[in-house]
Full PDB file with SEQRES, HELIX, SHEET, SSBOND, CRYST1, ORIGX, SCALE, CONECT and MASTER records, all heavy atoms in Angstrom:
SEQRES   1 A   30  TYR MET ARG ASN THR ALA ILE LEU GLU THR ILE LEU SER          
SEQRES   2 A   30  ASP ALA GLU GLY ASN GLN VAL LYS ILE THR ASP PHE ALA          
SEQRES   3 A   30  PRO ARG PHE LYS                                              
SHEET    1 AA1 2 LEU A   8  SER A  13  0                                        
SHEET    2 AA1 2 GLN A  19  ASP A  24 -1                                        
CRYST1    1.000    1.000    1.000  90.00  90.00  90.00 P 1           1          
ORIGX1      1.000000  0.000000  0.000000        0.00000                         
ORIGX2      0.000000  1.000000  0.000000        0.00000                         
ORIGX3      0.000000  0.000000  1.000000        0.00000                         
SCALE1      1.000000  0.000000  0.000000        0.00000                         
SCALE2      0.000000  1.000000  0.000000        0.00000                         
SCALE3      0.000000  0.000000  1.000000        0.00000                         
ATOM      1  N   TYR A   1     181.026 240.974  65.692  1.00  0.00           N  
ATOM      2  CA  TYR A   1     182.021 242.044  65.727  1.00  0.00           C  
ATOM      3  C   TYR A   1     181.391 243.334  65.234  1.00  0.00           C  
ATOM      4  O   TYR A   1     180.591 243.335  64.290  1.00  0.00           O  
ATOM      5  CB  TYR A   1     183.207 241.717  64.827  1.00  0.00           C  
ATOM      6  CG  TYR A   1     184.243 240.820  65.450  1.00  0.00           C  
ATOM      7  CD1 TYR A   1     184.392 239.501  65.015  1.00  0.00           C  
ATOM      8  CD2 TYR A   1     185.080 241.286  66.455  1.00  0.00           C  
ATOM      9  CE1 TYR A   1     185.356 238.668  65.575  1.00  0.00           C  
ATOM     10  CE2 TYR A   1     186.047 240.464  67.022  1.00  0.00           C  
ATOM     11  CZ  TYR A   1     186.179 239.159  66.576  1.00  0.00           C  
ATOM     12  OH  TYR A   1     187.122 238.345  67.135  1.00  0.00           O  
ATOM     13  N   MET A   2     181.735 244.429  65.876  1.00  0.00           N  
ATOM     14  CA  MET A   2     181.403 245.724  65.314  1.00  0.00           C  
ATOM     15  C   MET A   2     182.097 245.810  63.956  1.00  0.00           C  
ATOM     16  O   MET A   2     183.282 245.500  63.834  1.00  0.00           O  
ATOM     17  CB  MET A   2     181.869 246.845  66.250  1.00  0.00           C  
ATOM     18  CG  MET A   2     181.318 248.209  65.928  1.00  0.00           C  
ATOM     19  SD  MET A   2     181.883 249.478  67.129  1.00  0.00           S  
ATOM     20  CE  MET A   2     180.991 248.945  68.590  1.00  0.00           C  
ATOM     21  N   ARG A   3     181.386 246.195  62.943  1.00  0.00           N  
ATOM     22  CA  ARG A   3     181.840 246.087  61.555  1.00  0.00           C  
ATOM     23  C   ARG A   3     183.257 246.647  61.377  1.00  0.00           C  
ATOM     24  O   ARG A   3     183.573 247.756  61.800  1.00  0.00           O  
ATOM     25  CB  ARG A   3     180.872 246.823  60.626  1.00  0.00           C  
ATOM     26  CG  ARG A   3     181.227 246.755  59.153  1.00  0.00           C  
ATOM     27  CD  ARG A   3     180.168 247.400  58.292  1.00  0.00           C  
ATOM     28  NE  ARG A   3     180.552 247.401  56.896  1.00  0.00           N  
ATOM     29  CZ  ARG A   3     181.236 248.390  56.323  1.00  0.00           C  
ATOM     30  NH1 ARG A   3     181.582 249.462  57.024  1.00  0.00           N  
ATOM     31  NH2 ARG A   3     181.571 248.313  55.043  1.00  0.00           N  
ATOM     32  N   ASN A   4     184.116 245.825  60.750  1.00  0.00           N  
ATOM     33  CA  ASN A   4     185.475 246.204  60.367  1.00  0.00           C  
ATOM     34  C   ASN A   4     186.338 246.624  61.554  1.00  0.00           C  
ATOM     35  O   ASN A   4     187.215 247.481  61.436  1.00  0.00           O  
ATOM     36  CB  ASN A   4     185.455 247.331  59.329  1.00  0.00           C  
ATOM     37  CG  ASN A   4     184.910 246.891  57.996  1.00  0.00           C  
ATOM     38  OD1 ASN A   4     184.590 245.716  57.804  1.00  0.00           O  
ATOM     39  ND2 ASN A   4     184.784 247.808  57.054  1.00  0.00           N  
ATOM     40  N   THR A   5     186.109 245.993  62.715  1.00  0.00           N  
ATOM     41  CA  THR A   5     186.911 246.301  63.899  1.00  0.00           C  
ATOM     42  C   THR A   5     187.253 245.017  64.633  1.00  0.00           C  
ATOM     43  O   THR A   5     186.765 243.926  64.308  1.00  0.00           O  
ATOM     44  CB  THR A   5     186.153 247.226  64.877  1.00  0.00           C  
ATOM     45  OG1 THR A   5     185.140 246.464  65.552  1.00  0.00           O  
ATOM     46  CG2 THR A   5     185.522 248.429  64.172  1.00  0.00           C  
ATOM     47  N   ALA A   6     188.050 245.172  65.687  1.00  0.00           N  
ATOM     48  CA  ALA A   6     188.326 244.087  66.630  1.00  0.00           C  
ATOM     49  C   ALA A   6     187.535 244.295  67.918  1.00  0.00           C  
ATOM     50  O   ALA A   6     187.966 243.891  68.998  1.00  0.00           O  
ATOM     51  CB  ALA A   6     189.814 244.027  66.927  1.00  0.00           C  
ATOM     52  N   ILE A   7     186.388 244.910  67.815  1.00  0.00           N  
ATOM     53  CA  ILE A   7     185.505 245.182  68.953  1.00  0.00           C  
ATOM     54  C   ILE A   7     184.346 244.196  68.902  1.00  0.00           C  
ATOM     55  O   ILE A   7     183.648 244.098  67.900  1.00  0.00           O  
ATOM     56  CB  ILE A   7     184.980 246.629  68.907  1.00  0.00           C  
ATOM     57  CG1 ILE A   7     186.146 247.624  68.905  1.00  0.00           C  
ATOM     58  CG2 ILE A   7     184.038 246.902  70.068  1.00  0.00           C  
ATOM     59  CD1 ILE A   7     185.749 249.038  68.540  1.00  0.00           C  
ATOM     60  N   LEU A   8     184.149 243.458  69.988  1.00  0.00           N  
ATOM     61  CA  LEU A   8     183.179 242.369  70.024  1.00  0.00           C  
ATOM     62  C   LEU A   8     181.966 242.773  70.849  1.00  0.00           C  
ATOM     63  O   LEU A   8     182.103 243.320  71.952  1.00  0.00           O  
ATOM     64  CB  LEU A   8     183.830 241.120  70.628  1.00  0.00           C  
ATOM     65  CG  LEU A   8     183.043 239.815  70.561  1.00  0.00           C  
ATOM     66  CD1 LEU A   8     182.827 239.380  69.125  1.00  0.00           C  
ATOM     67  CD2 LEU A   8     183.775 238.721  71.343  1.00  0.00           C  
ATOM     68  N   GLU A   9     180.794 242.484  70.326  1.00  0.00           N  
ATOM     69  CA  GLU A   9     179.549 242.779  71.026  1.00  0.00           C  
ATOM     70  C   GLU A   9     178.784 241.478  71.288  1.00  0.00           C  
ATOM     71  O   GLU A   9     178.593 240.664  70.374  1.00  0.00           O  
ATOM     72  CB  GLU A   9     178.666 243.712  70.192  1.00  0.00           C  
ATOM     73  CG  GLU A   9     179.278 245.089  69.972  1.00  0.00           C  
ATOM     74  CD  GLU A   9     178.391 245.982  69.124  1.00  0.00           C  
ATOM     75  OE1 GLU A   9     177.703 245.463  68.215  1.00  0.00           O  
ATOM     76  OE2 GLU A   9     178.391 247.207  69.373  1.00  0.00           O  
ATOM     77  N   THR A  10     178.347 241.290  72.532  1.00  0.00           N  
ATOM     78  CA  THR A  10     177.578 240.115  72.919  1.00  0.00           C  
ATOM     79  C   THR A  10     176.298 240.581  73.597  1.00  0.00           C  
ATOM     80  O   THR A  10     176.351 241.419  74.507  1.00  0.00           O  
ATOM     81  CB  THR A  10     178.368 239.222  73.894  1.00  0.00           C  
ATOM     82  OG1 THR A  10     179.649 238.923  73.344  1.00  0.00           O  
ATOM     83  CG2 THR A  10     177.617 237.921  74.165  1.00  0.00           C  
ATOM     84  N   ILE A  11     175.162 240.067  73.173  1.00  0.00           N  
ATOM     85  CA  ILE A  11     173.870 240.387  73.783  1.00  0.00           C  
ATOM     86  C   ILE A  11     173.371 239.152  74.518  1.00  0.00           C  
ATOM     87  O   ILE A  11     173.249 238.070  73.928  1.00  0.00           O  
ATOM     88  CB  ILE A  11     172.854 240.844  72.728  1.00  0.00           C  
ATOM     89  CG1 ILE A  11     173.312 242.160  72.081  1.00  0.00           C  
ATOM     90  CG2 ILE A  11     171.469 241.026  73.359  1.00  0.00           C  
ATOM     91  CD1 ILE A  11     172.417 242.636  70.948  1.00  0.00           C  
ATOM     92  N   LEU A  12     173.111 239.310  75.810  1.00  0.00           N  
ATOM     93  CA  LEU A  12     172.574 238.235  76.641  1.00  0.00           C  
ATOM     94  C   LEU A  12     171.105 238.508  76.920  1.00  0.00           C  
ATOM     95  O   LEU A  12     170.720 239.653  77.191  1.00  0.00           O  
ATOM     96  CB  LEU A  12     173.338 238.136  77.965  1.00  0.00           C  
ATOM     97  CG  LEU A  12     174.859 237.963  77.889  1.00  0.00           C  
ATOM     98  CD1 LEU A  12     175.450 237.901  79.302  1.00  0.00           C  
ATOM     99  CD2 LEU A  12     175.241 236.737  77.088  1.00  0.00           C  
ATOM    100  N   SER A  13     170.294 237.459  76.870  1.00  0.00           N  
ATOM    101  CA  SER A  13     168.856 237.578  77.133  1.00  0.00           C  
ATOM    102  C   SER A  13     168.455 236.544  78.171  1.00  0.00           C  
ATOM    103  O   SER A  13     168.986 235.423  78.191  1.00  0.00           O  
ATOM    104  CB  SER A  13     168.045 237.344  75.860  1.00  0.00           C  
ATOM    105  OG  SER A  13     168.470 238.189  74.803  1.00  0.00           O  
ATOM    106  N   ASP A  14     167.503 236.925  79.053  1.00  0.00           N  
ATOM    107  CA  ASP A  14     166.972 235.943  79.989  1.00  0.00           C  
ATOM    108  C   ASP A  14     165.593 235.467  79.524  1.00  0.00           C  
ATOM    109  O   ASP A  14     165.071 235.927  78.498  1.00  0.00           O  
ATOM    110  CB  ASP A  14     166.949 236.490  81.418  1.00  0.00           C  
ATOM    111  CG  ASP A  14     165.976 237.643  81.600  1.00  0.00           C  
ATOM    112  OD1 ASP A  14     165.077 237.820  80.770  1.00  0.00           O  
ATOM    113  OD2 ASP A  14     166.131 238.377  82.606  1.00  0.00           O  
ATOM    114  N   ALA A  15     165.011 234.559  80.281  1.00  0.00           N  
ATOM    115  CA  ALA A  15     163.751 233.946  79.868  1.00  0.00           C  
ATOM    116  C   ALA A  15     162.597 234.935  79.840  1.00  0.00           C  
ATOM    117  O   ALA A  15     161.583 234.698  79.179  1.00  0.00           O  
ATOM    118  CB  ALA A  15     163.423 232.780  80.807  1.00  0.00           C  
ATOM    119  N   GLU A  16     162.731 236.068  80.540  1.00  0.00           N  
ATOM    120  CA  GLU A  16     161.667 237.064  80.592  1.00  0.00           C  
ATOM    121  C   GLU A  16     161.863 238.189  79.585  1.00  0.00           C  
ATOM    122  O   GLU A  16     161.106 239.158  79.585  1.00  0.00           O  
ATOM    123  CB  GLU A  16     161.576 237.634  82.004  1.00  0.00           C  
ATOM    124  CG  GLU A  16     161.222 236.586  83.046  1.00  0.00           C  
ATOM    125  CD  GLU A  16     161.193 237.150  84.455  1.00  0.00           C  
ATOM    126  OE1 GLU A  16     161.519 238.352  84.620  1.00  0.00           O  
ATOM    127  OE2 GLU A  16     160.852 236.405  85.383  1.00  0.00           O  
ATOM    128  N   GLY A  17     162.893 238.088  78.749  1.00  0.00           N  
ATOM    129  CA  GLY A  17     163.126 239.094  77.718  1.00  0.00           C  
ATOM    130  C   GLY A  17     164.013 240.242  78.136  1.00  0.00           C  
ATOM    131  O   GLY A  17     164.218 241.185  77.351  1.00  0.00           O  
ATOM    132  N   ASN A  18     164.565 240.225  79.344  1.00  0.00           N  
ATOM    133  CA  ASN A  18     165.536 241.244  79.742  1.00  0.00           C  
ATOM    134  C   ASN A  18     166.842 241.021  78.982  1.00  0.00           C  
ATOM    135  O   ASN A  18     167.253 239.874  78.773  1.00  0.00           O  
ATOM    136  CB  ASN A  18     165.790 241.177  81.245  1.00  0.00           C  
ATOM    137  CG  ASN A  18     164.524 241.373  82.054  1.00  0.00           C  
ATOM    138  OD1 ASN A  18     163.829 242.377  81.877  1.00  0.00           O  
ATOM    139  ND2 ASN A  18     164.212 240.417  82.929  1.00  0.00           N  
ATOM    140  N   GLN A  19     167.478 242.113  78.585  1.00  0.00           N  
ATOM    141  CA  GLN A  19     168.689 242.001  77.771  1.00  0.00           C  
ATOM    142  C   GLN A  19     169.772 242.965  78.238  1.00  0.00           C  
ATOM    143  O   GLN A  19     169.480 244.070  78.712  1.00  0.00           O  
ATOM    144  CB  GLN A  19     168.384 242.307  76.297  1.00  0.00           C  
ATOM    145  CG  GLN A  19     167.595 241.242  75.570  1.00  0.00           C  
ATOM    146  CD  GLN A  19     167.514 241.522  74.087  1.00  0.00           C  
ATOM    147  OE1 GLN A  19     167.425 242.677  73.665  1.00  0.00           O  
ATOM    148  NE2 GLN A  19     167.547 240.474  73.280  1.00  0.00           N  
ATOM    149  N   VAL A  20     171.018 242.520  78.075  1.00  0.00           N  
ATOM    150  CA  VAL A  20     172.181 243.389  78.277  1.00  0.00           C  
ATOM    151  C   VAL A  20     173.122 243.217  77.095  1.00  0.00           C  
ATOM    152  O   VAL A  20     173.115 242.182  76.416  1.00  0.00           O  
ATOM    153  CB  VAL A  20     172.934 243.068  79.583  1.00  0.00           C  
ATOM    154  CG1 VAL A  20     172.030 243.218  80.794  1.00  0.00           C  
ATOM    155  CG2 VAL A  20     173.561 241.676  79.522  1.00  0.00           C  
ATOM    156  N   LYS A  21     173.919 244.251  76.853  1.00  0.00           N  
ATOM    157  CA  LYS A  21     174.942 244.182  75.805  1.00  0.00           C  
ATOM    158  C   LYS A  21     176.307 244.346  76.443  1.00  0.00           C  
ATOM    159  O   LYS A  21     176.522 245.249  77.257  1.00  0.00           O  
ATOM    160  CB  LYS A  21     174.733 245.260  74.746  1.00  0.00           C  
ATOM    161  CG  LYS A  21     175.786 245.187  73.621  1.00  0.00           C  
ATOM    162  CD  LYS A  21     175.474 246.112  72.465  1.00  0.00           C  
ATOM    163  CE  LYS A  21     175.770 247.559  72.797  1.00  0.00           C  
ATOM    164  NZ  LYS A  21     175.682 248.432  71.594  1.00  0.00           N  
ATOM    165  N   ILE A  22     177.229 243.458  76.057  1.00  0.00           N  
ATOM    166  CA  ILE A  22     178.627 243.531  76.495  1.00  0.00           C  
ATOM    167  C   ILE A  22     179.465 243.967  75.303  1.00  0.00           C  
ATOM    168  O   ILE A  22     179.384 243.362  74.228  1.00  0.00           O  
ATOM    169  CB  ILE A  22     179.130 242.159  77.000  1.00  0.00           C  
ATOM    170  CG1 ILE A  22     178.181 241.571  78.048  1.00  0.00           C  
ATOM    171  CG2 ILE A  22     180.542 242.274  77.552  1.00  0.00           C  
ATOM    172  CD1 ILE A  22     178.441 240.098  78.330  1.00  0.00           C  
ATOM    173  N   THR A  23     180.260 244.996  75.483  1.00  0.00           N  
ATOM    174  CA  THR A  23     181.179 245.458  74.446  1.00  0.00           C  
ATOM    175  C   THR A  23     182.596 245.246  74.944  1.00  0.00           C  
ATOM    176  O   THR A  23     182.980 245.783  75.990  1.00  0.00           O  
ATOM    177  CB  THR A  23     180.956 246.941  74.119  1.00  0.00           C  
ATOM    178  OG1 THR A  23     179.587 247.135  73.720  1.00  0.00           O  
ATOM    179  CG2 THR A  23     181.877 247.396  72.991  1.00  0.00           C  
ATOM    180  N   ASP A  24     183.367 244.440  74.216  1.00  0.00           N  
ATOM    181  CA  ASP A  24     184.723 244.065  74.625  1.00  0.00           C  
ATOM    182  C   ASP A  24     185.746 244.540  73.610  1.00  0.00           C  
ATOM    183  O   ASP A  24     185.559 244.361  72.392  1.00  0.00           O  
ATOM    184  CB  ASP A  24     184.841 242.542  74.744  1.00  0.00           C  
ATOM    185  CG  ASP A  24     184.084 241.983  75.931  1.00  0.00           C  
ATOM    186  OD1 ASP A  24     184.256 242.513  77.044  1.00  0.00           O  
ATOM    187  OD2 ASP A  24     183.320 241.011  75.748  1.00  0.00           O  
ATOM    188  N   PHE A  25     186.856 245.103  74.097  1.00  0.00           N  
ATOM    189  CA  PHE A  25     187.935 245.507  73.203  1.00  0.00           C  
ATOM    190  C   PHE A  25     189.203 245.776  74.012  1.00  0.00           C  
ATOM    191  O   PHE A  25     189.158 245.930  75.238  1.00  0.00           O  
ATOM    192  CB  PHE A  25     187.539 246.763  72.404  1.00  0.00           C  
ATOM    193  CG  PHE A  25     187.390 248.006  73.239  1.00  0.00           C  
ATOM    194  CD1 PHE A  25     188.414 248.940  73.339  1.00  0.00           C  
ATOM    195  CD2 PHE A  25     186.208 248.246  73.938  1.00  0.00           C  
ATOM    196  CE1 PHE A  25     188.279 250.083  74.109  1.00  0.00           C  
ATOM    197  CE2 PHE A  25     186.053 249.389  74.713  1.00  0.00           C  
ATOM    198  CZ  PHE A  25     187.095 250.314  74.794  1.00  0.00           C  
ATOM    199  N   ALA A  26     190.308 245.825  73.307  1.00  0.00           N  
ATOM    200  CA  ALA A  26     191.572 246.285  73.867  1.00  0.00           C  
ATOM    201  C   ALA A  26     191.928 247.581  73.149  1.00  0.00           C  
ATOM    202  O   ALA A  26     191.883 247.638  71.918  1.00  0.00           O  
ATOM    203  CB  ALA A  26     192.672 245.242  73.665  1.00  0.00           C  
ATOM    204  N   PRO A  27     192.244 248.630  73.861  1.00  0.00           N  
ATOM    205  CA  PRO A  27     192.430 249.938  73.224  1.00  0.00           C  
ATOM    206  C   PRO A  27     193.631 249.959  72.285  1.00  0.00           C  
ATOM    207  O   PRO A  27     194.712 249.473  72.610  1.00  0.00           O  
ATOM    208  CB  PRO A  27     192.636 250.885  74.411  1.00  0.00           C  
ATOM    209  CG  PRO A  27     193.119 250.011  75.529  1.00  0.00           C  
ATOM    210  CD  PRO A  27     192.444 248.689  75.323  1.00  0.00           C  
ATOM    211  N   ARG A  28     193.399 250.523  71.109  1.00  0.00           N  
ATOM    212  CA  ARG A  28     194.459 250.711  70.127  1.00  0.00           C  
ATOM    213  C   ARG A  28     194.092 251.924  69.283  1.00  0.00           C  
ATOM    214  O   ARG A  28     193.055 251.929  68.608  1.00  0.00           O  
ATOM    215  CB  ARG A  28     194.628 249.481  69.236  1.00  0.00           C  
ATOM    216  CG  ARG A  28     195.721 249.645  68.175  1.00  0.00           C  
ATOM    217  CD  ARG A  28     195.889 248.398  67.320  1.00  0.00           C  
ATOM    218  NE  ARG A  28     196.837 248.636  66.263  1.00  0.00           N  
ATOM    219  CZ  ARG A  28     198.162 248.512  66.359  1.00  0.00           C  
ATOM    220  NH1 ARG A  28     198.690 248.111  67.508  1.00  0.00           N  
ATOM    221  NH2 ARG A  28     198.960 248.762  65.345  1.00  0.00           N  
ATOM    222  N   PHE A  29     194.946 252.959  69.319  1.00  0.00           N  
ATOM    223  CA  PHE A  29     194.665 254.160  68.536  1.00  0.00           C  
ATOM    224  C   PHE A  29     195.912 255.042  68.513  1.00  0.00           C  
ATOM    225  O   PHE A  29     196.863 254.832  69.274  1.00  0.00           O  
ATOM    226  CB  PHE A  29     193.471 254.940  69.104  1.00  0.00           C  
ATOM    227  CG  PHE A  29     193.517 255.185  70.585  1.00  0.00           C  
ATOM    228  CD1 PHE A  29     194.192 256.273  71.122  1.00  0.00           C  
ATOM    229  CD2 PHE A  29     192.858 254.318  71.455  1.00  0.00           C  
ATOM    230  CE1 PHE A  29     194.233 256.501  72.490  1.00  0.00           C  
ATOM    231  CE2 PHE A  29     192.890 254.533  72.826  1.00  0.00           C  
ATOM    232  CZ  PHE A  29     193.571 255.628  73.343  1.00  0.00           C  
ATOM    233  N   LYS A  30     195.885 256.006  67.627  1.00  0.00           N  
ATOM    234  CA  LYS A  30     197.008 256.927  67.488  1.00  0.00           C  
ATOM    235  C   LYS A  30     196.920 257.996  68.565  1.00  0.00           C  
ATOM    236  O   LYS A  30     195.870 258.596  68.784  1.00  0.00           O  
ATOM    237  CB  LYS A  30     197.000 257.569  66.101  1.00  0.00           C  
ATOM    238  CG  LYS A  30     197.228 256.579  64.972  1.00  0.00           C  
ATOM    239  CD  LYS A  30     197.183 257.233  63.604  1.00  0.00           C  
ATOM    240  CE  LYS A  30     197.384 256.205  62.498  1.00  0.00           C  
ATOM    241  NZ  LYS A  30     197.299 256.814  61.147  1.00  0.00           N  
TER     242      LYS A  30                                                      
MASTER        0    0    0    0    2    0    0    6  241    1    0    3          
END                                                                             
């Protein structure tokens, strides 16, 4: 989780070292 939030981060890696980051959340704000 992104610190002190409900925002989730996932990093995927393949066998050759390529990487992507997924950031997931549902919007909530004033």
